[in-house]
N, C-alpha and C. Protein backbone atom coordinates (compact mmCIF):
# COMPACT_ATOMS: atom_id res chain seq x y z
N MET A 1 -0.90 3.63 -23.43
CA MET A 1 -0.42 3.17 -21.93
C MET A 1 -0.99 2.52 -21.25
N ALA A 2 -0.11 0.98 -20.21
CA ALA A 2 -1.34 0.06 -19.78
C ALA A 2 -1.06 0.92 -18.44
N SER A 3 -1.61 0.32 -17.59
CA SER A 3 -1.84 0.87 -15.78
C SER A 3 -1.58 -0.63 -14.93
N CYS A 4 -1.11 -0.59 -13.53
CA CYS A 4 -1.81 -1.67 -13.16
C CYS A 4 -1.80 -1.24 -12.39
N ALA A 5 -3.05 -1.28 -10.91
CA ALA A 5 -2.82 -0.88 -9.82
C ALA A 5 -2.71 -1.53 -8.27
N VAL A 6 -2.60 -1.77 -7.22
CA VAL A 6 -2.98 -1.85 -5.99
C VAL A 6 -3.44 -1.64 -5.10
N VAL A 7 -5.14 -2.09 -4.58
CA VAL A 7 -5.57 -0.89 -3.62
C VAL A 7 -5.38 -1.56 -2.12
N ILE A 8 -4.23 -1.82 -1.26
CA ILE A 8 -4.47 -2.32 -0.15
C ILE A 8 -5.68 -0.79 1.03
N GLY A 9 -6.72 -2.00 1.98
CA GLY A 9 -7.42 -1.26 2.43
C GLY A 9 -7.33 -2.17 4.12
N PRO A 10 -6.57 -2.47 4.59
CA PRO A 10 -6.79 -3.25 6.32
C PRO A 10 -7.89 -2.53 7.01
N ALA A 11 -9.00 -3.75 6.64
CA ALA A 11 -10.13 -1.96 8.56
C ALA A 11 -9.73 -3.53 8.83
N ARG A 12 -9.77 -4.32 9.32
CA ARG A 12 -9.75 -5.94 10.70
C ARG A 12 -8.57 -5.57 11.39
N TYR A 13 -8.90 -5.34 12.41
CA TYR A 13 -6.93 -5.27 13.64
C TYR A 13 -7.76 -6.56 14.67
N ALA A 14 -6.90 -8.00 15.29
CA ALA A 14 -7.04 -8.23 16.34
C ALA A 14 -7.24 -7.28 17.49
N PRO A 15 -8.52 -8.23 18.20
CA PRO A 15 -8.72 -6.67 18.82
C PRO A 15 -8.25 -6.65 20.34
N ASP A 16 -6.86 -6.61 21.12
CA ASP A 16 -6.08 -6.37 21.85
C ASP A 16 -4.88 -5.89 20.84
N SER A 17 -5.13 -5.39 19.32
CA SER A 17 -4.53 -4.99 18.69
C SER A 17 -3.74 -3.38 18.91
N GLY A 18 -5.16 -3.23 20.12
CA GLY A 18 -4.58 -1.28 20.18
C GLY A 18 -4.66 -0.46 18.96
N ILE A 19 -5.67 -1.28 17.50
CA ILE A 19 -5.09 -0.94 16.73
C ILE A 19 -7.88 -0.74 16.12
N TYR A 20 -8.08 0.27 16.17
CA TYR A 20 -9.28 0.67 15.80
C TYR A 20 -9.29 -0.53 14.34
N SER A 21 -10.01 -1.25 14.71
CA SER A 21 -10.83 -1.69 13.23
C SER A 21 -12.14 -0.83 12.23
N HIS A 22 -12.08 -0.39 11.24
CA HIS A 22 -12.89 0.56 10.48
C HIS A 22 -13.27 0.30 9.34
N PRO A 23 -14.47 -0.65 9.14
CA PRO A 23 -14.82 -1.19 7.81
C PRO A 23 -15.36 -0.16 6.75
N GLU A 24 -14.98 1.39 7.32
CA GLU A 24 -14.41 2.35 5.92
C GLU A 24 -13.75 2.05 5.07
N ILE A 25 -12.80 1.21 5.72
CA ILE A 25 -11.29 1.26 5.25
C ILE A 25 -11.41 0.51 4.25
N GLY A 26 -12.01 -0.28 3.98
CA GLY A 26 -12.82 -1.58 3.34
C GLY A 26 -13.30 -1.76 2.63
N ASN A 27 -14.75 -0.39 3.44
CA ASN A 27 -15.66 0.26 2.08
C ASN A 27 -14.34 1.40 0.89
N SER A 28 -13.41 1.97 1.83
CA SER A 28 -13.14 2.83 0.98
C SER A 28 -12.41 2.21 -0.06
N ALA A 29 -10.69 1.27 -0.49
CA ALA A 29 -10.52 0.29 -0.58
C ALA A 29 -11.45 -0.33 -1.93
N ARG A 30 -12.20 -0.71 -1.52
CA ARG A 30 -13.31 -1.04 -2.23
C ARG A 30 -13.74 -0.58 -3.77
N LEU A 31 -14.00 0.60 -2.79
CA LEU A 31 -14.63 1.96 -4.14
C LEU A 31 -13.57 2.70 -4.77
N TYR A 32 -12.50 2.37 -4.22
CA TYR A 32 -10.84 2.63 -5.39
C TYR A 32 -10.72 1.84 -6.88
N GLY A 33 -10.98 0.23 -6.16
CA GLY A 33 -11.20 -0.14 -7.35
C GLY A 33 -11.67 -0.51 -8.06
N GLU A 34 -13.26 0.04 -8.13
CA GLU A 34 -14.48 -0.31 -8.34
C GLU A 34 -13.73 1.12 -9.74
N VAL A 35 -13.37 2.11 -9.24
CA VAL A 35 -13.73 3.74 -9.99
C VAL A 35 -12.52 3.38 -11.04
N LEU A 36 -11.49 2.69 -10.96
CA LEU A 36 -10.49 2.44 -11.57
C LEU A 36 -10.91 0.94 -12.39
N ALA A 37 -11.09 -0.01 -11.48
CA ALA A 37 -11.76 -0.53 -12.66
C ALA A 37 -12.78 -0.57 -13.73
N ALA A 38 -13.65 -0.17 -14.05
CA ALA A 38 -14.30 1.15 -14.81
C ALA A 38 -14.33 1.92 -15.40
N ASP A 39 -12.71 2.29 -15.37
CA ASP A 39 -12.13 3.47 -16.15
C ASP A 39 -11.04 2.93 -17.39
N PRO A 40 -11.01 2.84 -18.63
CA PRO A 40 -10.63 1.77 -19.45
C PRO A 40 -9.63 1.83 -19.85
N ARG A 41 -8.54 3.07 -18.53
CA ARG A 41 -7.04 3.47 -18.72
C ARG A 41 -6.55 2.33 -17.71
N TRP A 42 -7.58 2.10 -17.36
CA TRP A 42 -6.73 0.92 -16.68
C TRP A 42 -7.52 -0.58 -16.72
N GLY A 43 -8.58 -0.65 -16.47
CA GLY A 43 -9.89 -1.86 -16.17
C GLY A 43 -9.79 -2.91 -15.34
N ALA A 44 -10.34 -3.54 -15.16
CA ALA A 44 -10.11 -4.87 -14.39
C ALA A 44 -9.91 -5.82 -13.93
N ASP A 45 -8.95 -6.07 -15.39
CA ASP A 45 -8.11 -7.00 -15.43
C ASP A 45 -6.35 -5.93 -14.67
N ARG A 46 -6.70 -4.82 -14.36
CA ARG A 46 -5.56 -5.29 -14.43
C ARG A 46 -5.15 -3.79 -12.82
N VAL A 47 -6.05 -4.10 -12.10
CA VAL A 47 -6.42 -3.70 -10.53
C VAL A 47 -7.15 -4.40 -9.79
N VAL A 48 -5.83 -4.53 -8.70
CA VAL A 48 -5.98 -5.25 -7.61
C VAL A 48 -6.06 -4.92 -6.43
N VAL A 49 -7.38 -4.96 -5.87
CA VAL A 49 -8.01 -5.33 -4.19
C VAL A 49 -7.57 -6.42 -3.88
N LEU A 50 -7.12 -5.88 -2.12
CA LEU A 50 -6.49 -7.03 -1.80
C LEU A 50 -7.93 -7.44 -0.73
N THR A 51 -8.22 -8.70 -0.54
CA THR A 51 -9.22 -9.56 0.21
C THR A 51 -8.86 -9.53 1.79
N PRO A 52 -9.00 -9.72 2.80
CA PRO A 52 -9.26 -9.09 4.06
C PRO A 52 -8.30 -11.05 3.91
N ASP A 53 -8.05 -11.99 3.38
CA ASP A 53 -6.77 -12.77 3.95
C ASP A 53 -5.28 -11.90 2.77
N GLN A 54 -5.74 -11.94 2.32
CA GLN A 54 -4.46 -10.77 1.97
C GLN A 54 -3.42 -9.43 2.82
N LEU A 55 -4.91 -9.39 3.19
CA LEU A 55 -4.33 -8.12 4.02
C LEU A 55 -3.68 -7.85 5.66
N HIS A 56 -3.47 -9.86 5.87
CA HIS A 56 -2.87 -10.24 8.08
C HIS A 56 -2.07 -10.12 7.64
N GLU A 57 -1.17 -9.60 7.23
CA GLU A 57 0.26 -10.43 6.48
C GLU A 57 1.26 -9.60 5.76
N ILE A 58 2.11 -8.94 6.92
CA ILE A 58 3.28 -7.42 5.62
C ILE A 58 3.33 -8.49 4.02
N ASP A 59 3.88 -10.06 4.53
CA ASP A 59 4.16 -10.62 3.48
C ASP A 59 3.84 -10.76 2.33
N ASP A 60 2.29 -10.77 1.98
CA ASP A 60 1.35 -11.21 1.41
C ASP A 60 0.60 -9.45 0.94
N VAL A 61 0.30 -8.83 1.58
CA VAL A 61 0.77 -7.32 1.06
C VAL A 61 1.63 -6.77 0.32
N MET A 62 3.04 -7.28 0.36
CA MET A 62 4.06 -7.16 0.11
C MET A 62 4.45 -7.58 -1.13
N THR A 63 3.39 -9.33 -1.71
CA THR A 63 3.65 -10.08 -2.91
C THR A 63 3.46 -9.31 -3.44
N ALA A 64 1.88 -8.94 -3.32
CA ALA A 64 0.90 -8.21 -4.36
C ALA A 64 1.71 -7.13 -4.63
N VAL A 65 2.24 -6.22 -3.91
CA VAL A 65 2.32 -4.73 -4.69
C VAL A 65 4.43 -5.62 -5.75
N ARG A 66 5.18 -6.29 -5.17
CA ARG A 66 5.74 -7.21 -6.07
C ARG A 66 5.10 -7.40 -6.93
N ASP A 67 4.14 -8.60 -7.49
CA ASP A 67 3.40 -9.04 -8.87
C ASP A 67 3.32 -7.94 -9.46
N ALA A 68 2.93 -7.07 -8.98
CA ALA A 68 2.14 -5.78 -10.04
C ALA A 68 3.35 -4.82 -10.60
N ALA A 69 4.35 -4.48 -9.98
CA ALA A 69 5.03 -3.93 -10.61
C ALA A 69 6.49 -4.97 -10.84
N SER A 70 5.66 -6.22 -11.67
CA SER A 70 6.93 -6.47 -11.29
C SER A 70 6.50 -7.26 -12.96
N GLN A 71 4.82 -6.82 -13.10
CA GLN A 71 4.16 -6.28 -14.88
C GLN A 71 3.77 -5.55 -14.88
N ALA A 72 4.62 -4.17 -14.53
CA ALA A 72 4.35 -2.89 -15.25
C ALA A 72 5.55 -3.30 -16.04
N VAL A 73 6.33 -2.63 -18.26
CA VAL A 73 6.27 -2.00 -18.30
C VAL A 73 6.69 -1.01 -18.28
N TRP A 74 8.04 -0.62 -19.23
CA TRP A 74 7.89 1.06 -19.67
C TRP A 74 7.01 1.94 -20.52
N GLY A 75 6.25 2.81 -19.83
CA GLY A 75 5.16 3.18 -21.01
C GLY A 75 3.94 2.22 -19.99
N ASP A 76 3.81 1.57 -18.40
CA ASP A 76 2.74 1.92 -18.00
C ASP A 76 3.02 3.13 -16.49
N THR A 77 1.61 3.18 -15.89
CA THR A 77 2.00 3.25 -15.26
C THR A 77 1.85 2.40 -14.10
N LEU A 78 2.41 1.96 -12.45
CA LEU A 78 1.99 1.45 -11.28
C LEU A 78 1.33 2.47 -10.69
N LEU A 79 0.25 2.38 -9.47
CA LEU A 79 -0.08 2.49 -8.99
C LEU A 79 -0.66 2.14 -7.62
N VAL A 80 0.11 2.19 -6.66
CA VAL A 80 -0.12 1.99 -5.26
C VAL A 80 -1.07 2.19 -4.57
N VAL A 81 -2.60 2.15 -3.27
CA VAL A 81 -2.85 3.27 -2.98
C VAL A 81 -3.28 2.58 -1.29
N TYR A 82 -2.72 2.54 -0.93
CA TYR A 82 -2.30 2.66 0.85
C TYR A 82 -3.52 3.56 1.89
N VAL A 83 -5.40 2.73 1.94
CA VAL A 83 -6.19 2.98 2.83
C VAL A 83 -6.29 2.69 4.13
N GLY A 84 -5.36 3.62 4.41
CA GLY A 84 -5.20 2.77 6.69
C GLY A 84 -5.08 3.52 7.39
N HIS A 85 -4.58 2.93 8.88
CA HIS A 85 -4.01 3.34 9.80
C HIS A 85 -2.35 3.37 9.05
N GLY A 86 -2.11 4.64 9.40
CA GLY A 86 0.01 4.77 9.42
C GLY A 86 0.04 4.97 10.80
N THR A 87 1.13 5.72 10.72
CA THR A 87 2.47 6.50 12.71
C THR A 87 3.79 6.46 11.59
N TYR A 88 3.96 6.96 12.48
CA TYR A 88 5.63 7.62 12.43
C TYR A 88 6.11 7.44 13.85
N TRP A 89 7.28 6.52 13.30
CA TRP A 89 8.19 6.37 14.53
C TRP A 89 9.32 7.13 14.45
N TRP A 90 9.66 8.24 15.47
CA TRP A 90 10.80 8.77 15.55
C TRP A 90 11.48 8.42 15.83
N ASP A 91 12.39 7.67 16.74
CA ASP A 91 13.12 6.64 17.58
C ASP A 91 13.47 5.25 16.38
N VAL A 92 13.11 5.20 15.95
CA VAL A 92 12.81 3.67 15.01
C VAL A 92 14.21 4.16 14.15
N ASN A 93 15.34 2.86 13.55
CA ASN A 93 16.33 4.01 13.31
C ASN A 93 15.89 3.47 11.08
N ASN A 94 16.05 5.21 11.07
CA ASN A 94 15.99 4.80 9.25
C ASN A 94 14.46 5.62 9.03
N ALA A 95 13.87 6.40 10.39
CA ALA A 95 12.71 6.26 10.63
C ALA A 95 11.07 6.45 9.37
N GLU A 96 10.12 6.14 8.97
CA GLU A 96 9.60 5.62 8.07
C GLU A 96 8.04 5.89 8.21
N VAL A 97 7.30 5.68 8.49
CA VAL A 97 5.51 6.28 7.89
C VAL A 97 5.73 4.39 8.35
N HIS A 98 4.88 4.16 8.65
CA HIS A 98 4.54 2.44 8.35
C HIS A 98 3.18 2.59 8.79
N PHE A 99 2.07 1.52 7.57
CA PHE A 99 1.38 1.70 7.40
C PHE A 99 0.82 -0.15 8.13
N ALA A 100 -0.18 -0.19 8.37
CA ALA A 100 -1.30 -1.47 9.53
C ALA A 100 -1.38 -2.50 8.70
N VAL A 101 -1.21 -2.89 8.90
CA VAL A 101 -1.87 -4.54 8.27
C VAL A 101 -2.57 -5.24 9.45
N GLY A 102 -3.47 -6.30 8.64
CA GLY A 102 -3.90 -6.66 9.34
C GLY A 102 -3.66 -7.39 11.24
N SER A 103 -1.64 -7.62 11.19
CA SER A 103 -2.41 -8.47 12.34
C SER A 103 -0.85 -7.65 12.96
N SER A 104 -0.58 -6.76 12.66
CA SER A 104 -0.33 -5.01 13.15
C SER A 104 -0.64 -4.72 14.24
N ARG A 105 0.22 -4.23 15.52
CA ARG A 105 -0.24 -4.50 16.47
C ARG A 105 0.37 -2.53 17.48
N GLY A 106 -0.71 -2.15 18.30
CA GLY A 106 -0.55 -1.17 18.51
C GLY A 106 0.71 0.24 18.32
N ALA A 107 1.59 -0.42 19.76
CA ALA A 107 3.16 -0.29 19.57
C ALA A 107 4.06 -0.53 19.21
N GLU A 108 4.41 -1.02 18.09
CA GLU A 108 5.08 -2.19 17.62
C GLU A 108 5.20 -2.09 16.78
N PRO A 109 6.08 -1.51 16.27
CA PRO A 109 6.96 -1.12 15.16
C PRO A 109 6.78 -2.45 13.83
N HIS A 110 7.55 -3.27 14.98
CA HIS A 110 8.17 -4.34 13.74
C HIS A 110 6.75 -5.02 13.02
N THR A 111 5.28 -4.73 13.59
CA THR A 111 4.46 -5.24 13.17
C THR A 111 4.11 -4.39 11.89
N TRP A 112 4.24 -3.56 12.19
CA TRP A 112 4.00 -2.58 10.20
C TRP A 112 4.81 -2.63 9.51
N LEU A 113 4.05 -2.23 8.68
CA LEU A 113 4.68 -2.53 6.98
C LEU A 113 5.59 -0.87 6.25
N ASN A 114 6.66 -1.24 6.83
CA ASN A 114 7.77 0.52 6.86
C ASN A 114 7.93 0.41 5.31
N SER A 115 6.93 1.43 5.00
CA SER A 115 6.15 1.86 3.37
C SER A 115 8.01 2.69 2.45
N TRP A 116 9.44 1.69 3.25
CA TRP A 116 10.14 1.67 2.65
C TRP A 116 10.24 0.70 1.72
N TYR A 117 10.06 -0.59 2.39
CA TYR A 117 9.94 -1.78 1.74
C TYR A 117 8.74 -0.62 0.50
N VAL A 118 7.51 -0.89 -0.04
CA VAL A 118 7.11 0.05 -0.78
C VAL A 118 7.42 0.54 -2.02
N TYR A 119 7.73 1.97 -1.26
CA TYR A 119 9.47 2.25 -1.75
C TYR A 119 10.76 1.48 -2.91
N ASN A 120 10.57 1.03 -1.97
CA ASN A 120 11.76 0.45 -2.79
C ASN A 120 12.03 -0.82 -3.61
N VAL A 121 10.41 -1.74 -4.11
CA VAL A 121 10.07 -2.10 -4.63
C VAL A 121 9.35 -1.44 -6.37
N MET A 122 8.50 -0.33 -6.15
CA MET A 122 8.10 0.26 -6.82
C MET A 122 9.53 0.88 -6.98
N ARG A 123 10.72 1.13 -7.02
CA ARG A 123 11.60 1.91 -7.43
C ARG A 123 12.01 0.44 -8.87
N GLU A 124 11.48 0.09 -8.08
CA GLU A 124 12.87 -0.97 -9.27
C GLU A 124 10.99 -1.85 -10.21
N SER A 125 10.52 -1.56 -9.79
CA SER A 125 9.62 -1.19 -11.27
C SER A 125 10.57 -0.89 -12.83
N ASP A 126 9.60 -2.15 -13.78
CA ASP A 126 10.13 -0.54 -14.79
C ASP A 126 9.49 0.44 -14.88
N ALA A 127 8.02 0.53 -14.37
CA ALA A 127 6.86 1.45 -15.17
C ALA A 127 7.85 2.63 -15.64
N SER A 128 6.94 3.49 -16.26
CA SER A 128 7.13 5.47 -15.72
C SER A 128 7.34 6.01 -15.03
N LEU A 129 6.12 5.64 -15.00
CA LEU A 129 5.27 6.64 -14.53
C LEU A 129 4.89 5.46 -12.69
N LYS A 130 5.57 5.98 -11.55
CA LYS A 130 4.95 5.41 -10.30
C LYS A 130 4.41 6.03 -9.18
N VAL A 131 3.38 5.74 -9.08
CA VAL A 131 2.56 6.56 -8.05
C VAL A 131 1.67 5.65 -6.74
N LEU A 132 1.98 6.64 -5.11
CA LEU A 132 1.76 5.42 -4.21
C LEU A 132 0.59 7.21 -3.26
N ILE A 133 -0.63 6.02 -3.21
CA ILE A 133 -1.72 8.00 -2.68
C ILE A 133 -1.97 6.79 -1.58
N ALA A 134 -0.85 8.26 -0.23
CA ALA A 134 -1.45 7.09 0.84
C ALA A 134 -2.18 7.66 1.62
N ASP A 135 -3.57 7.22 2.00
CA ASP A 135 -5.06 7.97 2.15
C ASP A 135 -4.78 7.71 4.39
N CYS A 136 -3.79 8.11 5.07
CA CYS A 136 -3.42 8.09 6.32
C CYS A 136 -3.04 8.86 7.35
N CYS A 137 -3.27 8.61 8.50
CA CYS A 137 -2.04 9.59 9.68
C CYS A 137 -0.73 9.22 8.96
N SER A 138 -0.45 10.56 9.11
CA SER A 138 1.35 10.45 8.93
C SER A 138 1.49 10.16 7.63
N SER A 139 0.64 10.59 6.73
CA SER A 139 1.18 10.41 5.39
C SER A 139 2.36 11.86 5.02
N ASN A 140 1.95 12.70 5.60
CA ASN A 140 3.10 14.08 5.19
C ASN A 140 3.61 13.60 5.89
N ARG A 141 4.23 12.42 6.45
CA ARG A 141 6.08 11.91 6.10
C ARG A 141 6.72 11.42 5.54
N LEU A 142 5.75 11.05 4.68
CA LEU A 142 6.08 10.36 3.20
C LEU A 142 7.52 11.02 2.76
N GLN A 143 8.40 9.74 2.41
CA GLN A 143 9.52 10.49 1.25
C GLN A 143 9.45 10.81 0.10
N ASN A 144 10.13 11.11 -0.28
CA ASN A 144 9.95 10.74 -1.79
C ASN A 144 9.75 9.66 -2.48
N LEU A 145 10.05 9.22 -3.53
CA LEU A 145 9.63 7.98 -4.01
C LEU A 145 11.10 8.25 -5.57
N GLY A 146 12.26 8.83 -5.70
CA GLY A 146 12.56 9.20 -6.51
C GLY A 146 13.78 8.29 -6.69
N ASP A 147 14.85 8.30 -6.87
CA ASP A 147 16.14 8.17 -7.86
C ASP A 147 16.35 7.26 -5.74
N LYS A 148 16.65 8.21 -4.58
CA LYS A 148 16.77 7.38 -4.06
C LYS A 148 16.83 5.84 -3.70
N LYS A 149 18.28 6.25 -3.68
CA LYS A 149 18.63 3.99 -2.96
C LYS A 149 19.46 4.40 -1.70
N ARG A 150 18.32 3.23 -0.71
CA ARG A 150 19.35 3.10 0.32
C ARG A 150 19.94 1.59 0.27
C-alpha cells in the first residue's frame, strides 16, 4: 500500500489581515513533512509540504490537494495535514470550519479555505483510506469525511 500526503502550514499573513503570523506553524508543517518522508510507508517522493508561495491563495492550496488526491489509487492512503489558524462562522451558509491561507483576512470568511472544499476533493479520490489532520482552532467542529455529499 502506497501513501500520499500534503502538508499545509501557512505561517505568514499580511500585517493588516487581522491574523497573527506564527513561524511555529511553518516549523510544525516542515517537521510533519520530515517525519513522513523518513518513514518507508510514505517516502520523500510521496510527501508534499507546501512552500510559502503555495500557501498564499486558496487555489494554490487546493491544486496541491487535488494533485495528491488524483495520484492516489485503490489501496493507497491519502493524508492531508493542515496546521494553522482555523475558525468557524455559524452565520455562513452551510457553516463549516475554515482554514486560513496567506491571503486570508480575519473577519472575511470568503478569504478563508472552506474545509468542505478539502472534504470534497478527498472524497472523490480513489484512495482506500482518507485522513485529514487539522491542527487548528475550531477543529472540533469538522464534519465527518464519510460518504456524505452536498
